[in-house]
Amino acid sequence: MKWWRERQRAFATQLDEREMRWVRYLLIGLLIVGIGLAVGRRTELSSGVVGAWMLLVGDYWAIRLAQRRVNFLLGLLLGYLGALIGGLSLLLGLGSLF
């Protein structure tokens, strides 16, 4: 179990608070770019940007949950499941609007 705790700690300390703040800004920027591309009828590029956003959100949430001392595997599962649901709902919402 010692190995598991060390792995959890290493995963949680990948990014400090300053870097996590930059990731949040990047997420907001990608979201704005994706919506802007959808408005400009560039759906193939918009879906690519939303896909990159989904992966980054999954990583962000997994690291944030690890920092909150949630189990490593549970944090990964919840992070990527939330990103998948959020990304698919964003794609469906943009698809129905534009």
PDB file of N, CA and C in Angstrom:
ATOM      1  N   MET A   1       0.803  -1.196   0.000  1.00  0.00           N
ATOM      2  CA  MET A   1       0.000   0.000   0.000  1.00  0.00           C
ATOM      3  C   MET A   1       0.852   1.268   0.000  1.00  0.00           C
ATOM      4  N   LYS A   2       2.086   1.148   0.433  1.00  0.00           N
ATOM      5  CA  LYS A   2       2.944   2.324   0.437  1.00  0.00           C
ATOM      6  C   LYS A   2       3.172   2.834  -0.989  1.00  0.00           C
ATOM      7  N   TRP A   3       3.337   1.902  -1.919  1.00  0.00           N
ATOM      8  CA  TRP A   3       3.525   2.289  -3.312  1.00  0.00           C
ATOM      9  C   TRP A   3       2.311   3.068  -3.807  1.00  0.00           C
ATOM     10  N   TRP A   4       1.108   2.611  -3.412  1.00  0.00           N
ATOM     11  CA  TRP A   4      -0.112   3.255  -3.859  1.00  0.00           C
ATOM     12  C   TRP A   4      -0.203   4.687  -3.345  1.00  0.00           C
ATOM     13  N   ARG A   5       0.147   4.909  -2.081  1.00  0.00           N
ATOM     14  CA  ARG A   5       0.110   6.254  -1.518  1.00  0.00           C
ATOM     15  C   ARG A   5       1.143   7.157  -2.187  1.00  0.00           C
ATOM     16  N   GLU A   6       2.291   6.628  -2.504  1.00  0.00           N
ATOM     17  CA  GLU A   6       3.308   7.421  -3.200  1.00  0.00           C
ATOM     18  C   GLU A   6       2.835   7.789  -4.611  1.00  0.00           C
ATOM     19  N   ARG A   7       2.174   6.876  -5.273  1.00  0.00           N
ATOM     20  CA  ARG A   7       1.648   7.154  -6.614  1.00  0.00           C
ATOM     21  C   ARG A   7       0.565   8.226  -6.548  1.00  0.00           C
ATOM     22  N   GLN A   8      -0.293   8.125  -5.540  1.00  0.00           N
ATOM     23  CA  GLN A   8      -1.347   9.121  -5.342  1.00  0.00           C
ATOM     24  C   GLN A   8      -0.741  10.502  -5.099  1.00  0.00           C
ATOM     25  N   ARG A   9       0.273  10.569  -4.256  1.00  0.00           N
ATOM     26  CA  ARG A   9       0.920  11.845  -3.936  1.00  0.00           C
ATOM     27  C   ARG A   9       1.614  12.426  -5.162  1.00  0.00           C
ATOM     28  N   ALA A  10       2.268  11.574  -5.948  1.00  0.00           N
ATOM     29  CA  ALA A  10       2.952  12.051  -7.154  1.00  0.00           C
ATOM     30  C   ALA A  10       1.947  12.590  -8.173  1.00  0.00           C
ATOM     31  N   PHE A  11       0.811  11.947  -8.283  1.00  0.00           N
ATOM     32  CA  PHE A  11      -0.210  12.403  -9.226  1.00  0.00           C
ATOM     33  C   PHE A  11      -0.813  13.722  -8.764  1.00  0.00           C
ATOM     34  N   ALA A  12      -1.020  13.856  -7.471  1.00  0.00           N
ATOM     35  CA  ALA A  12      -1.649  15.067  -6.934  1.00  0.00           C
ATOM     36  C   ALA A  12      -0.721  16.278  -7.000  1.00  0.00           C
ATOM     37  N   THR A  13       0.571  16.062  -7.017  1.00  0.00           N
ATOM     38  CA  THR A  13       1.511  17.191  -7.008  1.00  0.00           C
ATOM     39  C   THR A  13       2.077  17.503  -8.395  1.00  0.00           C
ATOM     40  N   GLN A  14       1.439  17.015  -9.439  1.00  0.00           N
ATOM     41  CA  GLN A  14       1.907  17.313 -10.795  1.00  0.00           C
ATOM     42  C   GLN A  14       1.871  18.802 -11.080  1.00  0.00           C
ATOM     43  N   LEU A  15       0.794  19.444 -10.682  1.00  0.00           N
ATOM     44  CA  LEU A  15       0.615  20.864 -10.951  1.00  0.00           C
ATOM     45  C   LEU A  15       0.355  21.587  -9.631  1.00  0.00           C
ATOM     46  N   ASP A  16       0.972  22.749  -9.462  1.00  0.00           N
ATOM     47  CA  ASP A  16       0.684  23.548  -8.273  1.00  0.00           C
ATOM     48  C   ASP A  16      -0.505  24.470  -8.566  1.00  0.00           C
ATOM     49  N   GLU A  17      -0.882  25.277  -7.601  1.00  0.00           N
ATOM     50  CA  GLU A  17      -2.065  26.129  -7.747  1.00  0.00           C
ATOM     51  C   GLU A  17      -1.926  27.133  -8.898  1.00  0.00           C
ATOM     52  N   ARG A  18      -0.733  27.677  -9.079  1.00  0.00           N
ATOM     53  CA  ARG A  18      -0.514  28.640 -10.160  1.00  0.00           C
ATOM     54  C   ARG A  18      -0.717  27.976 -11.527  1.00  0.00           C
ATOM     55  N   GLU A  19      -0.187  26.786 -11.688  1.00  0.00           N
ATOM     56  CA  GLU A  19      -0.343  26.069 -12.951  1.00  0.00           C
ATOM     57  C   GLU A  19      -1.786  25.623 -13.171  1.00  0.00           C
ATOM     58  N   MET A  20      -2.474  25.256 -12.092  1.00  0.00           N
ATOM     59  CA  MET A  20      -3.878  24.875 -12.214  1.00  0.00           C
ATOM     60  C   MET A  20      -4.721  26.075 -12.659  1.00  0.00           C
ATOM     61  N   ARG A  21      -4.348  27.264 -12.200  1.00  0.00           N
ATOM     62  CA  ARG A  21      -5.053  28.471 -12.626  1.00  0.00           C
ATOM     63  C   ARG A  21      -4.867  28.691 -14.127  1.00  0.00           C
ATOM     64  N   TRP A  22      -3.646  28.463 -14.641  1.00  0.00           N
ATOM     65  CA  TRP A  22      -3.395  28.609 -16.077  1.00  0.00           C
ATOM     66  C   TRP A  22      -4.188  27.584 -16.878  1.00  0.00           C
ATOM     67  N   VAL A  23      -4.317  26.385 -16.334  1.00  0.00           N
ATOM     68  CA  VAL A  23      -5.106  25.358 -17.024  1.00  0.00           C
ATOM     69  C   VAL A  23      -6.566  25.786 -17.098  1.00  0.00           C
ATOM     70  N   ARG A  24      -7.086  26.385 -16.017  1.00  0.00           N
ATOM     71  CA  ARG A  24      -8.459  26.892 -16.042  1.00  0.00           C
ATOM     72  C   ARG A  24      -8.637  27.953 -17.128  1.00  0.00           C
ATOM     73  N   TYR A  25      -7.681  28.863 -17.246  1.00  0.00           N
ATOM     74  CA  TYR A  25      -7.754  29.890 -18.292  1.00  0.00           C
ATOM     75  C   TYR A  25      -7.703  29.258 -19.677  1.00  0.00           C
ATOM     76  N   LEU A  26      -6.866  28.253 -19.837  1.00  0.00           N
ATOM     77  CA  LEU A  26      -6.782  27.549 -21.110  1.00  0.00           C
ATOM     78  C   LEU A  26      -8.094  26.852 -21.435  1.00  0.00           C
ATOM     79  N   LEU A  27      -8.739  26.255 -20.428  1.00  0.00           N
ATOM     80  CA  LEU A  27     -10.030  25.609 -20.648  1.00  0.00           C
ATOM     81  C   LEU A  27     -11.088  26.616 -21.105  1.00  0.00           C
ATOM     82  N   ILE A  28     -11.121  27.772 -20.471  1.00  0.00           N
ATOM     83  CA  ILE A  28     -12.076  28.806 -20.858  1.00  0.00           C
ATOM     84  C   ILE A  28     -11.774  29.287 -22.275  1.00  0.00           C
ATOM     85  N   GLY A  29     -10.494  29.468 -22.594  1.00  0.00           N
ATOM     86  CA  GLY A  29     -10.109  29.896 -23.939  1.00  0.00           C
ATOM     87  C   GLY A  29     -10.494  28.886 -25.004  1.00  0.00           C
ATOM     88  N   LEU A  30     -10.260  27.593 -24.727  1.00  0.00           N
ATOM     89  CA  LEU A  30     -10.643  26.561 -25.689  1.00  0.00           C
ATOM     90  C   LEU A  30     -12.148  26.522 -25.891  1.00  0.00           C
ATOM     91  N   LEU A  31     -12.882  26.726 -24.822  1.00  0.00           N
ATOM     92  CA  LEU A  31     -14.333  26.737 -24.924  1.00  0.00           C
ATOM     93  C   LEU A  31     -14.817  27.901 -25.788  1.00  0.00           C
ATOM     94  N   ILE A  32     -14.235  29.059 -25.603  1.00  0.00           N
ATOM     95  CA  ILE A  32     -14.606  30.233 -26.402  1.00  0.00           C
ATOM     96  C   ILE A  32     -14.234  30.027 -27.866  1.00  0.00           C
ATOM     97  N   VAL A  33     -13.051  29.474 -28.107  1.00  0.00           N
ATOM     98  CA  VAL A  33     -12.623  29.212 -29.491  1.00  0.00           C
ATOM     99  C   VAL A  33     -13.543  28.183 -30.149  1.00  0.00           C
ATOM    100  N   GLY A  34     -13.911  27.140 -29.418  1.00  0.00           N
ATOM    101  CA  GLY A  34     -14.805  26.118 -29.964  1.00  0.00           C
ATOM    102  C   GLY A  34     -16.167  26.683 -30.323  1.00  0.00           C
ATOM    103  N   ILE A  35     -16.709  27.521 -29.442  1.00  0.00           N
ATOM    104  CA  ILE A  35     -18.004  28.142 -29.727  1.00  0.00           C
ATOM    105  C   ILE A  35     -17.879  29.118 -30.895  1.00  0.00           C
ATOM    106  N   GLY A  36     -16.779  29.865 -30.938  1.00  0.00           N
ATOM    107  CA  GLY A  36     -16.562  30.791 -32.051  1.00  0.00           C
ATOM    108  C   GLY A  36     -16.452  30.073 -33.387  1.00  0.00           C
ATOM    109  N   LEU A  37     -15.790  28.940 -33.387  1.00  0.00           N
ATOM    110  CA  LEU A  37     -15.698  28.161 -34.628  1.00  0.00           C
ATOM    111  C   LEU A  37     -17.048  27.589 -35.032  1.00  0.00           C
ATOM    112  N   ALA A  38     -17.853  27.200 -34.059  1.00  0.00           N
ATOM    113  CA  ALA A  38     -19.190  26.695 -34.372  1.00  0.00           C
ATOM    114  C   ALA A  38     -20.064  27.796 -34.945  1.00  0.00           C
ATOM    115  N   VAL A  39     -19.944  29.007 -34.397  1.00  0.00           N
ATOM    116  CA  VAL A  39     -20.702  30.139 -34.919  1.00  0.00           C
ATOM    117  C   VAL A  39     -20.244  30.458 -36.344  1.00  0.00           C
ATOM    118  N   GLY A  40     -18.953  30.309 -36.613  1.00  0.00           N
ATOM    119  CA  GLY A  40     -18.421  30.571 -37.941  1.00  0.00           C
ATOM    120  C   GLY A  40     -18.600  29.429 -38.910  1.00  0.00           C
ATOM    121  N   ARG A  41     -19.421  28.436 -38.549  1.00  0.00           N
ATOM    122  CA  ARG A  41     -19.736  27.283 -39.404  1.00  0.00           C
ATOM    123  C   ARG A  41     -18.513  26.441 -39.754  1.00  0.00           C
ATOM    124  N   ARG A  42     -17.544  26.410 -38.863  1.00  0.00           N
ATOM    125  CA  ARG A  42     -16.367  25.546 -39.026  1.00  0.00           C
ATOM    126  C   ARG A  42     -16.495  24.378 -38.046  1.00  0.00           C
ATOM    127  N   THR A  43     -17.495  23.535 -38.294  1.00  0.00           N
ATOM    128  CA  THR A  43     -17.845  22.493 -37.335  1.00  0.00           C
ATOM    129  C   THR A  43     -16.757  21.438 -37.169  1.00  0.00           C
ATOM    130  N   GLU A  44     -16.000  21.152 -38.225  1.00  0.00           N
ATOM    131  CA  GLU A  44     -14.952  20.139 -38.095  1.00  0.00           C
ATOM    132  C   GLU A  44     -13.846  20.620 -37.161  1.00  0.00           C
ATOM    133  N   LEU A  45     -13.511  21.884 -37.239  1.00  0.00           N
ATOM    134  CA  LEU A  45     -12.515  22.437 -36.322  1.00  0.00           C
ATOM    135  C   LEU A  45     -13.089  22.601 -34.921  1.00  0.00           C
ATOM    136  N   SER A  46     -14.350  22.971 -34.839  1.00  0.00           N
ATOM    137  CA  SER A  46     -15.000  23.150 -33.543  1.00  0.00           C
ATOM    138  C   SER A  46     -15.061  21.831 -32.771  1.00  0.00           C
ATOM    139  N   SER A  47     -15.393  20.751 -33.454  1.00  0.00           N
ATOM    140  CA  SER A  47     -15.462  19.461 -32.760  1.00  0.00           C
ATOM    141  C   SER A  47     -14.073  19.003 -32.330  1.00  0.00           C
ATOM    142  N   GLY A  48     -13.046  19.338 -33.084  1.00  0.00           N
ATOM    143  CA  GLY A  48     -11.673  19.023 -32.674  1.00  0.00           C
ATOM    144  C   GLY A  48     -11.248  19.790 -31.439  1.00  0.00           C
ATOM    145  N   VAL A  49     -11.616  21.069 -31.390  1.00  0.00           N
ATOM    146  CA  VAL A  49     -11.290  21.888 -30.217  1.00  0.00           C
ATOM    147  C   VAL A  49     -12.059  21.391 -29.002  1.00  0.00           C
ATOM    148  N   VAL A  50     -13.313  21.015 -29.191  1.00  0.00           N
ATOM    149  CA  VAL A  50     -14.104  20.486 -28.074  1.00  0.00           C
ATOM    150  C   VAL A  50     -13.534  19.146 -27.609  1.00  0.00           C
ATOM    151  N   GLY A  51     -13.025  18.345 -28.519  1.00  0.00           N
ATOM    152  CA  GLY A  51     -12.374  17.090 -28.133  1.00  0.00           C
ATOM    153  C   GLY A  51     -11.130  17.333 -27.299  1.00  0.00           C
ATOM    154  N   ALA A  52     -10.324  18.309 -27.694  1.00  0.00           N
ATOM    155  CA  ALA A  52      -9.145  18.665 -26.883  1.00  0.00           C
ATOM    156  C   ALA A  52      -9.571  19.216 -25.530  1.00  0.00           C
ATOM    157  N   TRP A  53     -10.655  19.979 -25.504  1.00  0.00           N
ATOM    158  CA  TRP A  53     -11.194  20.507 -24.258  1.00  0.00           C
ATOM    159  C   TRP A  53     -11.623  19.377 -23.331  1.00  0.00           C
ATOM    160  N   MET A  54     -12.253  18.350 -23.910  1.00  0.00           N
ATOM    161  CA  MET A  54     -12.697  17.210 -23.100  1.00  0.00           C
ATOM    162  C   MET A  54     -11.509  16.508 -22.450  1.00  0.00           C
ATOM    163  N   LEU A  55     -10.443  16.289 -23.190  1.00  0.00           N
ATOM    164  CA  LEU A  55      -9.270  15.625 -22.622  1.00  0.00           C
ATOM    165  C   LEU A  55      -8.630  16.468 -21.528  1.00  0.00           C
ATOM    166  N   LEU A  56      -8.554  17.760 -21.750  1.00  0.00           N
ATOM    167  CA  LEU A  56      -7.952  18.639 -20.753  1.00  0.00           C
ATOM    168  C   LEU A  56      -8.821  18.748 -19.506  1.00  0.00           C
ATOM    169  N   VAL A  57     -10.133  18.767 -19.674  1.00  0.00           N
ATOM    170  CA  VAL A  57     -11.035  18.792 -18.515  1.00  0.00           C
ATOM    171  C   VAL A  57     -10.894  17.511 -17.713  1.00  0.00           C
ATOM    172  N   GLY A  58     -10.781  16.385 -18.397  1.00  0.00           N
ATOM    173  CA  GLY A  58     -10.597  15.114 -17.697  1.00  0.00           C
ATOM    174  C   GLY A  58      -9.322  15.104 -16.866  1.00  0.00           C
ATOM    175  N   ASP A  59      -8.240  15.583 -17.446  1.00  0.00           N
ATOM    176  CA  ASP A  59      -6.982  15.666 -16.703  1.00  0.00           C
ATOM    177  C   ASP A  59      -7.091  16.633 -15.528  1.00  0.00           C
ATOM    178  N   TYR A  60      -7.708  17.776 -15.768  1.00  0.00           N
ATOM    179  CA  TYR A  60      -7.843  18.792 -14.723  1.00  0.00           C
ATOM    180  C   TYR A  60      -8.633  18.244 -13.535  1.00  0.00           C
ATOM    181  N   TRP A  61      -9.778  17.631 -13.823  1.00  0.00           N
ATOM    182  CA  TRP A  61     -10.606  17.109 -12.741  1.00  0.00           C
ATOM    183  C   TRP A  61      -9.939  15.948 -12.019  1.00  0.00           C
ATOM    184  N   ALA A  62      -9.232  15.092 -12.754  1.00  0.00           N
ATOM    185  CA  ALA A  62      -8.549  13.966 -12.115  1.00  0.00           C
ATOM    186  C   ALA A  62      -7.456  14.465 -11.162  1.00  0.00           C
ATOM    187  N   ILE A  63      -6.692  15.463 -11.588  1.00  0.00           N
ATOM    188  CA  ILE A  63      -5.646  16.008 -10.716  1.00  0.00           C
ATOM    189  C   ILE A  63      -6.269  16.742  -9.539  1.00  0.00           C
ATOM    190  N   ARG A  64      -7.329  17.495  -9.787  1.00  0.00           N
ATOM    191  CA  ARG A  64      -7.989  18.223  -8.700  1.00  0.00           C
ATOM    192  C   ARG A  64      -8.567  17.247  -7.669  1.00  0.00           C
ATOM    193  N   LEU A  65      -9.157  16.147  -8.112  1.00  0.00           N
ATOM    194  CA  LEU A  65      -9.686  15.156  -7.171  1.00  0.00           C
ATOM    195  C   LEU A  65      -8.560  14.464  -6.413  1.00  0.00           C
ATOM    196  N   ALA A  66      -7.435  14.240  -7.065  1.00  0.00           N
ATOM    197  CA  ALA A  66      -6.294  13.643  -6.365  1.00  0.00           C
ATOM    198  C   ALA A  66      -5.756  14.605  -5.309  1.00  0.00           C
ATOM    199  N   GLN A  67      -5.793  15.891  -5.592  1.00  0.00           N
ATOM    200  CA  GLN A  67      -5.368  16.872  -4.598  1.00  0.00           C
ATOM    201  C   GLN A  67      -6.328  16.906  -3.412  1.00  0.00           C
ATOM    202  N   ARG A  68      -7.572  16.545  -3.629  1.00  0.00           N
ATOM    203  CA  ARG A  68      -8.565  16.490  -2.558  1.00  0.00           C
ATOM    204  C   ARG A  68      -8.548  15.146  -1.839  1.00  0.00           C
ATOM    205  N   ARG A  69      -7.558  14.330  -2.152  1.00  0.00           N
ATOM    206  CA  ARG A  69      -7.336  13.035  -1.522  1.00  0.00           C
ATOM    207  C   ARG A  69      -8.407  11.991  -1.862  1.00  0.00           C
ATOM    208  N   VAL A  70      -8.980  12.103  -3.046  1.00  0.00           N
ATOM    209  CA  VAL A  70      -9.874  11.076  -3.555  1.00  0.00           C
ATOM    210  C   VAL A  70      -8.998   9.970  -4.126  1.00  0.00           C
ATOM    211  N   ASN A  71      -9.445   8.743  -4.034  1.00  0.00           N
ATOM    212  CA  ASN A  71      -8.694   7.594  -4.538  1.00  0.00           C
ATOM    213  C   ASN A  71      -8.246   7.849  -5.983  1.00  0.00           C
ATOM    214  N   PHE A  72      -7.043   7.410  -6.296  1.00  0.00           N
ATOM    215  CA  PHE A  72      -6.419   7.648  -7.597  1.00  0.00           C
ATOM    216  C   PHE A  72      -7.290   7.156  -8.749  1.00  0.00           C
ATOM    217  N   LEU A  73      -7.699   5.899  -8.706  1.00  0.00           N
ATOM    218  CA  LEU A  73      -8.496   5.341  -9.796  1.00  0.00           C
ATOM    219  C   LEU A  73      -9.898   5.934  -9.844  1.00  0.00           C
ATOM    220  N   LEU A  74     -10.491   6.170  -8.689  1.00  0.00           N
ATOM    221  CA  LEU A  74     -11.811   6.790  -8.652  1.00  0.00           C
ATOM    222  C   LEU A  74     -11.759   8.210  -9.203  1.00  0.00           C
ATOM    223  N   GLY A  75     -10.688   8.939  -8.893  1.00  0.00           N
ATOM    224  CA  GLY A  75     -10.520  10.286  -9.426  1.00  0.00           C
ATOM    225  C   GLY A  75     -10.384  10.292 -10.940  1.00  0.00           C
ATOM    226  N   LEU A  76      -9.623   9.341 -11.476  1.00  0.00           N
ATOM    227  CA  LEU A  76      -9.500   9.233 -12.937  1.00  0.00           C
ATOM    228  C   LEU A  76     -10.841   8.904 -13.578  1.00  0.00           C
ATOM    229  N   LEU A  77     -11.551   7.957 -12.973  1.00  0.00           N
ATOM    230  CA  LEU A  77     -12.844   7.559 -13.515  1.00  0.00           C
ATOM    231  C   LEU A  77     -13.835   8.711 -13.483  1.00  0.00           C
ATOM    232  N   LEU A  78     -13.942   9.378 -12.361  1.00  0.00           N
ATOM    233  CA  LEU A  78     -14.872  10.504 -12.248  1.00  0.00           C
ATOM    234  C   LEU A  78     -14.470  11.670 -13.143  1.00  0.00           C
ATOM    235  N   GLY A  79     -13.179  11.945 -13.233  1.00  0.00           N
ATOM    236  CA  GLY A  79     -12.706  13.039 -14.069  1.00  0.00           C
ATOM    237  C   GLY A  79     -13.036  12.834 -15.530  1.00  0.00           C
ATOM    238  N   TYR A  80     -12.729  11.656 -16.045  1.00  0.00           N
ATOM    239  CA  TYR A  80     -12.966  11.420 -17.466  1.00  0.00           C
ATOM    240  C   TYR A  80     -14.430  11.156 -17.780  1.00  0.00           C
ATOM    241  N   LEU A  81     -15.168  10.596 -16.842  1.00  0.00           N
ATOM    242  CA  LEU A  81     -16.598  10.421 -17.049  1.00  0.00           C
ATOM    243  C   LEU A  81     -17.299  11.783 -17.083  1.00  0.00           C
ATOM    244  N   GLY A  82     -16.913  12.665 -16.188  1.00  0.00           N
ATOM    245  CA  GLY A  82     -17.471  14.021 -16.204  1.00  0.00           C
ATOM    246  C   GLY A  82     -17.105  14.775 -17.463  1.00  0.00           C
ATOM    247  N   ALA A  83     -15.875  14.612 -17.925  1.00  0.00           N
ATOM    248  CA  ALA A  83     -15.440  15.280 -19.158  1.00  0.00           C
ATOM    249  C   ALA A  83     -16.189  14.724 -20.364  1.00  0.00           C
ATOM    250  N   LEU A  84     -16.426  13.429 -20.381  1.00  0.00           N
ATOM    251  CA  LEU A  84     -17.159  12.820 -21.487  1.00  0.00           C
ATOM    252  C   LEU A  84     -18.595  13.328 -21.527  1.00  0.00           C
ATOM    253  N   ILE A  85     -19.244  13.356 -20.394  1.00  0.00           N
ATOM    254  CA  ILE A  85     -20.628  13.842 -20.342  1.00  0.00           C
ATOM    255  C   ILE A  85     -20.688  15.324 -20.695  1.00  0.00           C
ATOM    256  N   GLY A  86     -19.779  16.122 -20.134  1.00  0.00           N
ATOM    257  CA  GLY A  86     -19.758  17.552 -20.438  1.00  0.00           C
ATOM    258  C   GLY A  86     -19.447  17.837 -21.892  1.00  0.00           C
ATOM    259  N   GLY A  87     -18.482  17.134 -22.460  1.00  0.00           N
ATOM    260  CA  GLY A  87     -18.111  17.351 -23.857  1.00  0.00           C
ATOM    261  C   GLY A  87     -19.201  16.931 -24.826  1.00  0.00           C
ATOM    262  N   LEU A  88     -19.829  15.795 -24.554  1.00  0.00           N
ATOM    263  CA  LEU A  88     -20.902  15.359 -25.436  1.00  0.00           C
ATOM    264  C   LEU A  88     -22.109  16.273 -25.364  1.00  0.00           C
ATOM    265  N   SER A  89     -22.419  16.746 -24.174  1.00  0.00           N
ATOM    266  CA  SER A  89     -23.539  17.682 -24.070  1.00  0.00           C
ATOM    267  C   SER A  89     -23.191  19.015 -24.745  1.00  0.00           C
ATOM    268  N   LEU A  90     -21.925  19.429 -24.669  1.00  0.00           N
ATOM    269  CA  LEU A  90     -21.503  20.658 -25.364  1.00  0.00           C
ATOM    270  C   LEU A  90     -21.611  20.467 -26.876  1.00  0.00           C
ATOM    271  N   LEU A  91     -21.155  19.320 -27.392  1.00  0.00           N
ATOM    272  CA  LEU A  91     -21.263  19.073 -28.829  1.00  0.00           C
ATOM    273  C   LEU A  91     -22.720  18.999 -29.288  1.00  0.00           C
ATOM    274  N   LEU A  92     -23.566  18.342 -28.498  1.00  0.00           N
ATOM    275  CA  LEU A  92     -24.980  18.273 -28.865  1.00  0.00           C
ATOM    276  C   LEU A  92     -25.627  19.650 -28.791  1.00  0.00           C
ATOM    277  N   GLY A  93     -25.279  20.425 -27.787  1.00  0.00           N
ATOM    278  CA  GLY A  93     -25.837  21.779 -27.668  1.00  0.00           C
ATOM    279  C   GLY A  93     -25.406  22.672 -28.809  1.00  0.00           C
ATOM    280  N   LEU A  94     -24.114  22.633 -29.146  1.00  0.00           N
ATOM    281  CA  LEU A  94     -23.639  23.455 -30.275  1.00  0.00           C
ATOM    282  C   LEU A  94     -24.226  22.964 -31.590  1.00  0.00           C
ATOM    283  N   GLY A  95     -24.370  21.653 -31.718  1.00  0.00           N
ATOM    284  CA  GLY A  95     -24.957  21.111 -32.943  1.00  0.00           C
ATOM    285  C   GLY A  95     -26.407  21.501 -33.135  1.00  0.00           C
ATOM    286  N   SER A  96     -27.138  21.576 -32.034  1.00  0.00           N
ATOM    287  CA  SER A  96     -28.551  21.958 -32.166  1.00  0.00           C
ATOM    288  C   SER A  96     -28.702  23.469 -32.360  1.00  0.00           C
ATOM    289  N   LEU A  97     -27.780  24.268 -31.825  1.00  0.00           N
ATOM    290  CA  LEU A  97     -27.877  25.708 -32.005  1.00  0.00           C
ATOM    291  C   LEU A  97     -27.413  26.178 -33.374  1.00  0.00           C
ATOM    292  N   PHE A  98     -26.335  25.565 -33.862  1.00  0.00           N
ATOM    293  CA  PHE A  98     -25.746  26.054 -35.104  1.00  0.00           C
ATOM    294  C   PHE A  98     -25.866  24.981 -36.142  1.00  0.00           C
TER     295      PHE A  98
END
